[in-house]
Amino acid sequence: MSVHQEKKKEIEPALIVPFVQSVRKVLATMAQMETTIGRPYGKQKGPSEHDCSGIIGFSGKVIGTVVVSFPLATASKLVAAFAGDEVDPQSSDFADAIGELTNMIAGAAKPQLGGDANITVPSVIMGRGHTVSRPSDIPCLVLPCSTVAGEFIVEIAIRTA
């Protein structure tokens, strides 16, 4: 594939809508927070601007990754709302809660993706400026999200197989 062809690759809109819906549903249900989704934009390679990220891999009829990234302040407020109490960001429970929120978002989107899509167990990366590598042949679209707890992003780098 030429460089010119690679620049034209776009993520399929039908693969984005389920994540918009799942983010809103999961945060409303699990954290009792309304979520506003901003205008999606493409992401090039580079380090995260956030402090913690939950990562889910997709395989089967849909392949790629979905990453939910938060500034620490936002993550702390969301985890407290989700868990019903404050959780120390240095504890394994905090990372588990970030992983579970990511899992719920991906899991709620999965049935709407059509076909046989499988998701992995979530992984969580903590630390400012971390880099999440994605498949180089799949473009990444970022959904900027905003709640009363703060802003976060959902990076969607998936395609149909």
Protein backbone atom coordinates (compact mmCIF):
# COMPACT_ATOMS: atom_id res chain seq x y z
CA MET A 1 0.00 0.00 0.00
CA SER A 2 1.40 3.41 -0.90
CA VAL A 3 1.77 6.28 1.56
CA HIS A 4 -0.96 8.17 -0.32
CA GLN A 5 -3.41 5.26 0.09
CA GLU A 6 -2.57 4.87 3.77
CA LYS A 7 -3.47 8.52 4.50
CA LYS A 8 -6.95 7.98 3.08
CA LYS A 9 -7.83 5.15 5.50
CA GLU A 10 -10.67 6.09 7.80
CA ILE A 11 -12.45 4.35 10.57
CA GLU A 12 -15.92 3.11 9.64
CA PRO A 13 -18.65 5.34 11.18
CA ALA A 14 -20.69 2.23 12.05
CA LEU A 15 -17.86 1.23 14.40
CA ILE A 16 -17.90 4.58 16.26
CA VAL A 17 -21.58 5.04 17.13
CA PRO A 18 -21.68 2.02 19.48
CA PHE A 19 -18.89 3.59 21.57
CA VAL A 20 -20.64 6.96 21.78
CA GLN A 21 -23.72 5.16 23.07
CA SER A 22 -21.82 2.85 25.42
CA VAL A 23 -19.82 5.66 27.06
CA ARG A 24 -23.03 7.55 27.79
CA LYS A 25 -24.84 4.44 29.05
CA VAL A 26 -22.01 3.12 31.25
CA LEU A 27 -21.27 6.44 32.95
CA ALA A 28 -24.96 7.17 33.50
CA THR A 29 -25.53 3.72 34.99
CA MET A 30 -22.30 3.14 36.92
CA ALA A 31 -21.30 6.68 37.97
CA GLN A 32 -24.65 8.50 37.69
CA MET A 33 -23.04 11.05 35.36
CA GLU A 34 -24.17 12.49 32.07
CA THR A 35 -21.47 12.44 29.39
CA THR A 36 -21.09 14.95 26.58
CA ILE A 37 -19.22 13.67 23.53
CA GLY A 38 -17.27 16.27 21.56
CA ARG A 39 -16.34 16.29 17.89
CA PRO A 40 -14.23 13.19 17.06
CA TYR A 41 -10.76 13.74 15.59
CA GLY A 42 -7.97 11.59 14.21
CA LYS A 43 -4.96 10.76 16.35
CA GLN A 44 -1.45 10.32 15.14
CA LYS A 45 1.16 8.35 17.07
CA GLY A 46 2.55 9.86 20.23
CA PRO A 47 2.38 9.75 24.00
CA SER A 48 -0.84 10.14 25.92
CA GLU A 49 -1.66 13.47 27.46
CA HIS A 50 -3.33 11.66 30.34
CA ASP A 51 -2.26 9.84 33.50
CA CYS A 52 -4.03 6.49 33.22
CA SER A 53 -5.43 4.39 30.40
CA GLY A 54 -7.56 1.27 30.21
CA ILE A 55 -6.91 -0.83 27.09
CA ILE A 56 -9.13 -3.47 25.47
CA GLY A 57 -8.18 -5.52 22.42
CA PHE A 58 -10.69 -6.71 19.83
CA SER A 59 -10.43 -9.86 17.73
CA GLY A 60 -12.70 -11.89 15.47
CA LYS A 61 -14.84 -9.95 12.98
CA VAL A 62 -13.64 -6.67 14.53
CA ILE A 63 -9.92 -6.19 15.25
CA GLY A 64 -7.86 -3.48 16.93
CA THR A 65 -7.85 -1.67 20.25
CA VAL A 66 -9.92 0.74 22.29
CA VAL A 67 -8.21 2.91 24.91
CA VAL A 68 -9.98 4.99 27.54
CA SER A 69 -7.59 7.64 28.94
CA PHE A 70 -8.09 9.93 31.92
CA PRO A 71 -6.28 12.71 33.75
CA LEU A 72 -5.73 11.49 37.32
CA ALA A 73 -8.20 14.01 38.80
CA THR A 74 -10.98 12.85 36.47
CA ALA A 75 -10.17 9.18 37.00
CA SER A 76 -10.23 9.65 40.79
CA LYS A 77 -13.69 11.25 40.71
CA LEU A 78 -15.09 8.64 38.31
CA VAL A 79 -13.66 5.75 40.31
CA ALA A 80 -15.10 7.22 43.54
CA ALA A 81 -18.53 7.53 41.91
CA PHE A 82 -18.24 4.02 40.44
CA ALA A 83 -16.95 2.41 43.66
CA GLY A 84 -19.09 4.43 46.05
CA ASP A 85 -16.04 5.70 47.95
CA GLU A 86 -12.66 7.29 47.29
CA VAL A 87 -9.96 4.87 46.18
CA ASP A 88 -6.22 5.55 46.51
CA PRO A 89 -4.77 5.96 42.98
CA GLN A 90 -1.71 3.98 44.13
CA SER A 91 -3.80 0.93 45.01
CA SER A 92 -4.51 -2.04 42.79
CA ASP A 93 -8.23 -1.39 43.37
CA PHE A 94 -7.90 1.91 41.50
CA ALA A 95 -6.36 0.25 38.45
CA ASP A 96 -8.99 -2.51 38.66
CA ALA A 97 -11.77 0.10 38.63
CA ILE A 98 -10.27 1.83 35.55
CA GLY A 99 -10.01 -1.58 33.86
CA GLU A 100 -13.60 -2.43 34.74
CA LEU A 101 -14.94 0.89 33.41
CA THR A 102 -13.02 0.26 30.17
CA ASN A 103 -14.35 -3.28 30.02
CA MET A 104 -17.93 -2.08 30.49
CA ILE A 105 -17.58 0.54 27.74
CA ALA A 106 -16.13 -2.00 25.27
CA GLY A 107 -18.56 -4.70 26.39
CA ALA A 108 -21.59 -2.45 25.93
CA ALA A 109 -20.42 -1.49 22.41
CA LYS A 110 -19.55 -5.06 21.35
CA PRO A 111 -23.07 -6.35 20.54
CA GLN A 112 -23.70 -3.37 18.25
CA LEU A 113 -20.55 -3.99 16.19
CA GLY A 114 -22.17 -6.86 14.29
CA GLY A 115 -20.71 -10.26 13.69
CA ASP A 116 -18.41 -12.15 15.98
CA ALA A 117 -16.32 -9.69 18.01
CA ASN A 118 -14.27 -10.79 21.01
CA ILE A 119 -12.67 -8.55 23.62
CA THR A 120 -9.64 -9.13 25.82
CA VAL A 121 -9.28 -8.71 29.54
CA PRO A 122 -8.48 -5.02 30.11
CA SER A 123 -4.97 -3.79 30.81
CA VAL A 124 -4.30 -0.54 32.66
CA ILE A 125 -1.30 1.75 32.29
CA MET A 126 -0.60 4.37 34.96
CA GLY A 127 1.79 7.29 34.54
CA ARG A 128 1.83 10.59 32.69
CA GLY A 129 3.09 10.55 29.11
CA HIS A 130 2.74 6.80 28.54
CA THR A 131 2.44 5.53 24.98
CA VAL A 132 -0.08 2.94 23.83
CA SER A 133 0.99 1.34 20.57
CA ARG A 134 -1.79 0.49 18.15
CA PRO A 135 -1.83 -1.60 15.00
CA SER A 136 -0.15 0.61 12.37
CA ASP A 137 -2.63 -0.35 9.65
CA ILE A 138 -5.70 0.85 11.60
CA PRO A 139 -6.48 4.57 11.92
CA CYS A 140 -7.33 5.94 15.36
CA LEU A 141 -10.30 8.18 16.09
CA VAL A 142 -10.54 10.04 19.39
CA LEU A 143 -13.85 10.73 21.12
CA PRO A 144 -13.40 13.64 23.56
CA CYS A 145 -15.74 13.12 26.52
CA SER A 146 -16.79 15.46 29.30
CA THR A 147 -18.57 14.83 32.60
CA VAL A 148 -18.98 16.77 35.84
CA ALA A 149 -15.94 14.76 37.02
CA GLY A 150 -13.81 16.16 34.19
CA GLU A 151 -12.72 15.33 30.68
CA PHE A 152 -11.36 12.07 29.24
CA ILE A 153 -10.94 10.48 25.82
CA VAL A 154 -11.82 7.22 24.11
CA GLU A 155 -9.35 6.22 21.37
CA ILE A 156 -10.95 3.84 18.87
CA ALA A 157 -8.60 1.99 16.52
CA ILE A 158 -10.69 -0.88 15.17
CA ARG A 159 -11.77 -2.21 11.80
CA THR A 160 -13.76 -5.10 10.45
CA ALA A 161 -11.66 -8.15 9.63
